[in-house]
Protein backbone atom coordinates (compact mmCIF):
# COMPACT_ATOMS: atom_id res chain seq x y z
CA UNK A 1 0.63 -14.82 -12.62
CA UNK A 2 -1.93 -13.67 -10.07
CA UNK A 3 -0.66 -10.10 -10.25
CA UNK A 4 -1.06 -10.12 -14.03
CA UNK A 5 -4.63 -11.37 -13.71
CA UNK A 6 -5.51 -8.72 -11.15
CA UNK A 7 -4.01 -5.96 -13.30
CA UNK A 8 -6.26 -6.99 -16.22
CA UNK A 9 -9.50 -6.82 -14.23
CA UNK A 10 -11.87 -4.08 -15.32
CA UNK A 11 -13.41 -1.78 -12.76
CA UNK A 12 -16.76 -0.33 -13.77
CA UNK A 13 -19.18 2.06 -12.19
CA UNK A 14 -22.58 2.73 -13.76
CA UNK A 15 -22.83 6.32 -12.59
CA UNK A 16 -20.53 8.84 -10.98
CA UNK A 17 -20.76 9.35 -7.26
CA UNK A 18 -20.37 12.64 -5.43
CA UNK A 19 -18.71 12.90 -2.04
CA UNK A 20 -18.52 15.99 0.17
CA UNK A 21 -14.86 15.17 0.78
CA UNK A 22 -12.62 12.98 -1.37
CA UNK A 23 -10.59 10.48 0.63
CA UNK A 24 -8.06 7.73 -0.04
CA UNK A 25 -6.89 5.27 2.62
CA UNK A 26 -4.15 2.69 2.42
CA UNK A 27 -3.15 0.23 5.11
CA UNK A 28 0.02 -1.77 4.58
CA UNK A 29 0.86 -4.94 6.51
CA UNK A 30 4.44 -6.15 6.28
CA UNK A 31 4.51 -9.75 7.53
CA UNK A 32 7.44 -12.07 8.21
CA UNK A 33 7.40 -15.65 9.52
CA UNK A 34 10.45 -17.80 10.27
CA UNK A 35 11.14 -21.17 11.86
CA UNK A 36 14.42 -20.97 13.76
CA UNK A 37 16.16 -23.95 15.38
CA UNK A 38 17.75 -23.92 18.83
CA UNK A 39 21.12 -22.90 17.32
CA UNK A 40 19.61 -19.79 15.76
CA UNK A 41 19.57 -21.06 12.16
CA UNK A 42 16.61 -20.20 9.98
CA UNK A 43 15.01 -23.45 8.79
CA UNK A 44 12.26 -21.83 6.76
CA UNK A 45 10.90 -18.37 6.21
CA UNK A 46 8.29 -16.49 4.29
CA UNK A 47 7.36 -12.86 3.94
CA UNK A 48 4.55 -10.95 2.34
CA UNK A 49 3.21 -7.45 2.11
CA UNK A 50 -0.54 -6.94 2.10
CA UNK A 51 -2.09 -3.68 0.96
CA UNK A 52 -5.66 -2.69 1.76
CA UNK A 53 -6.75 0.29 -0.32
CA UNK A 54 -10.01 2.21 -0.04
CA UNK A 55 -10.99 5.26 -2.08
CA UNK A 56 -13.97 7.60 -1.98
CA UNK A 57 -13.49 9.83 -5.01
CA UNK A 58 -15.98 12.08 -6.76
CA UNK A 59 -16.51 11.31 -10.42
CA UNK A 60 -14.60 8.59 -12.18
CA UNK A 61 -10.90 9.53 -11.92
CA UNK A 62 -8.12 7.19 -12.96
CA UNK A 63 -6.22 5.98 -9.88
CA UNK A 64 -2.78 4.46 -9.79
CA UNK A 65 -1.00 3.03 -6.76
CA UNK A 66 2.77 2.74 -7.19
CA UNK A 67 4.70 0.75 -4.59
CA UNK A 68 8.50 0.82 -4.69
CA UNK A 69 8.24 1.60 -8.37
CA UNK A 70 11.68 2.39 -9.77
CA UNK A 71 10.22 3.83 -12.96
CA UNK A 72 8.14 6.31 -10.95
CA UNK A 73 10.70 7.22 -8.28
CA UNK A 74 11.01 10.97 -7.94
CA UNK A 75 8.30 11.65 -10.52
CA UNK A 76 5.32 11.71 -8.17
CA UNK A 77 2.91 14.57 -8.58
CA UNK A 78 2.71 16.08 -5.12
CA UNK A 79 2.21 19.65 -4.04
CA UNK A 80 4.76 21.01 -1.60
CA UNK A 81 1.94 21.75 0.86
CA UNK A 82 0.96 18.04 0.81
CA UNK A 83 4.31 16.86 2.20
CA UNK A 84 4.06 16.43 5.96
CA UNK A 85 7.23 15.42 7.82
CA UNK A 86 6.60 12.49 10.16
CA UNK A 87 9.02 11.28 12.81
CA UNK A 88 9.89 7.58 12.71
CA UNK A 89 8.44 7.07 16.18
CA UNK A 90 5.02 8.11 14.89
CA UNK A 91 4.71 5.31 12.32
CA UNK A 92 6.83 2.42 13.62
CA UNK A 93 5.36 0.42 16.47
CA UNK A 94 7.67 -1.90 18.43
CA UNK A 95 5.97 -5.09 19.58
CA UNK A 96 7.17 -7.71 22.03
CA UNK A 97 7.94 -10.98 20.24
């Protein structure tokens, strides 16, 4: 219900802006909370993913953010030069619990 409402919101800009460099940033927080009893059983749990998205784009381009979108999978428009291999150790941070 909330997602449907957010998707229907209009985004307006009175005039186009010009940036010296276009930039898009996304920060994704994957959160998990569980209450576990002394025997190791999960009594309750909840999980959520929060996405913080910021864009500085010249003009008024249409932007679309697809997350785990089965319809889009493999159809992304990406130049070969834009694909940068990243080792797992560079983007997964282990924290003490």
